[in-house]
Amino acid sequence: MPRGSSPKRERQYEHIKESARERGESMGRAEEIAARTVNKERARSGESRTASKTSTQDMSSGKRGGQRSHSGAQGPTYDQLYAEAQRRNIQGRSSMNKAELQRKLGR
């Protein structure tokens, strides 16, 4: 976490990192996800010195995460399905669309 971050942001960082680890992300990837999320929230609330246009005008990370969750209306993203197909070594995955990947994965 950046110097001078609030205790609230520290707790948020740890919570996000632990959630990512529980989902099976590596420690490095979990830390990256947590840092990016917290930094975006800091920028959106005016807590950081600089902020990109995307950070302040794009949808919040909470809303974005809800749209891309496995339990969302459309289920997992194409990239998430492709990564799972890759882990399972499913042949022909590179030429499949989202619906085909879902069928092959039994979703």
Protein backbone atom coordinates (compact mmCIF):
# COMPACT_ATOMS: atom_id res chain seq x y z
CA MET A 1 0.00 0.00 0.00
CA PRO A 2 1.21 3.55 -0.65
CA ARG A 3 2.55 5.56 2.24
CA GLY A 4 -0.12 7.60 3.95
CA SER A 5 -3.00 5.32 3.03
CA SER A 6 -5.78 5.15 5.58
CA PRO A 7 -6.48 2.19 7.85
CA LYS A 8 -9.72 1.68 5.93
CA ARG A 9 -7.80 1.25 2.66
CA GLU A 10 -5.35 -1.10 4.38
CA ARG A 11 -8.26 -3.29 5.53
CA GLN A 12 -9.82 -3.11 2.07
CA TYR A 13 -6.52 -4.17 0.48
CA GLU A 14 -6.16 -7.16 2.82
CA HIS A 15 -9.78 -8.21 2.29
CA ILE A 16 -9.50 -8.10 -1.50
CA LYS A 17 -6.16 -9.91 -1.43
CA GLU A 18 -7.56 -12.70 0.76
CA SER A 19 -10.65 -13.03 -1.45
CA ALA A 20 -8.46 -13.39 -4.53
CA ARG A 21 -6.34 -16.03 -2.78
CA GLU A 22 -9.50 -17.97 -1.85
CA ARG A 23 -10.50 -17.92 -5.52
CA GLY A 24 -7.19 -19.61 -6.35
CA GLU A 25 -5.10 -16.66 -7.54
CA SER A 26 -1.36 -16.70 -6.88
CA MET A 27 -0.05 -14.41 -4.14
CA GLY A 28 1.46 -12.00 -6.67
CA ARG A 29 -1.73 -11.82 -8.73
CA ALA A 30 -3.85 -11.39 -5.58
CA GLU A 31 -1.66 -8.49 -4.46
CA GLU A 32 -1.89 -6.90 -7.91
CA ILE A 33 -5.69 -7.16 -7.98
CA ALA A 34 -5.96 -5.71 -4.48
CA ALA A 35 -3.56 -2.83 -5.20
CA ARG A 36 -5.27 -1.89 -8.46
CA THR A 37 -8.72 -2.00 -6.89
CA VAL A 38 -7.73 0.07 -3.85
CA ASN A 39 -5.82 2.58 -5.97
CA LYS A 40 -8.85 3.04 -8.22
CA GLU A 41 -11.12 3.58 -5.22
CA ARG A 42 -8.65 6.08 -3.76
CA ALA A 43 -8.61 7.98 -7.07
CA ARG A 44 -12.41 7.95 -7.30
CA SER A 45 -12.77 9.41 -3.82
CA GLY A 46 -10.07 12.06 -4.29
CA GLU A 47 -7.53 10.49 -1.92
CA SER A 48 -4.70 10.27 -4.46
CA ARG A 49 -2.57 13.06 -5.89
CA THR A 50 -3.08 12.01 -9.50
CA ALA A 51 -5.86 10.05 -11.12
CA SER A 52 -6.43 8.88 -14.65
CA LYS A 53 -9.62 9.75 -16.48
CA THR A 54 -10.51 6.07 -16.54
CA SER A 55 -10.23 5.77 -12.77
CA THR A 56 -12.54 8.67 -12.08
CA GLN A 57 -15.09 8.36 -14.88
CA ASP A 58 -15.32 4.61 -15.44
CA MET A 59 -17.71 2.43 -13.40
CA SER A 60 -16.67 1.60 -9.86
CA SER A 61 -14.63 -1.51 -9.24
CA GLY A 62 -17.45 -2.93 -7.10
CA LYS A 63 -19.95 -2.64 -9.91
CA ARG A 64 -17.50 -3.99 -12.47
CA GLY A 65 -16.69 -6.99 -10.28
CA GLY A 66 -20.37 -7.74 -9.85
CA GLN A 67 -20.89 -7.76 -13.59
CA ARG A 68 -18.04 -10.16 -14.17
CA SER A 69 -18.66 -12.53 -11.30
CA HIS A 70 -19.50 -16.17 -11.89
CA SER A 71 -22.91 -15.65 -10.36
CA GLY A 72 -23.76 -12.63 -12.50
CA ALA A 73 -26.50 -12.58 -15.11
CA GLN A 74 -24.21 -13.66 -17.94
CA GLY A 75 -21.93 -15.90 -15.88
CA PRO A 76 -18.17 -16.00 -16.39
CA THR A 77 -16.48 -13.99 -19.10
CA TYR A 78 -15.06 -15.51 -22.27
CA ASP A 79 -11.53 -15.04 -20.88
CA GLN A 80 -12.44 -16.86 -17.67
CA LEU A 81 -13.95 -19.74 -19.64
CA TYR A 82 -10.96 -19.88 -21.96
CA ALA A 83 -8.55 -19.98 -19.02
CA GLU A 84 -10.49 -22.87 -17.49
CA ALA A 85 -10.52 -24.70 -20.83
CA GLN A 86 -6.77 -24.16 -21.04
CA ARG A 87 -6.29 -25.58 -17.53
CA ARG A 88 -8.38 -28.63 -18.50
CA ASN A 89 -6.45 -28.94 -21.79
CA ILE A 90 -9.60 -28.90 -23.96
CA GLN A 91 -8.68 -29.28 -27.62
CA GLY A 92 -9.96 -26.71 -30.15
CA ARG A 93 -10.60 -24.04 -27.51
CA SER A 94 -8.96 -21.26 -29.53
CA SER A 95 -11.64 -21.45 -32.23
CA MET A 96 -14.59 -21.70 -29.81
CA ASN A 97 -16.92 -18.86 -28.88
CA LYS A 98 -18.29 -18.28 -25.38
CA ALA A 99 -21.31 -20.56 -25.80
CA GLU A 100 -19.19 -23.39 -27.17
CA LEU A 101 -16.72 -23.07 -24.30
CA GLN A 102 -19.59 -23.19 -21.82
CA ARG A 103 -20.93 -26.37 -23.42
CA LYS A 104 -17.50 -28.05 -23.44
CA LEU A 105 -16.95 -27.11 -19.81
CA GLY A 106 -20.37 -28.42 -18.82
CA ARG A 107 -21.87 -25.11 -17.73
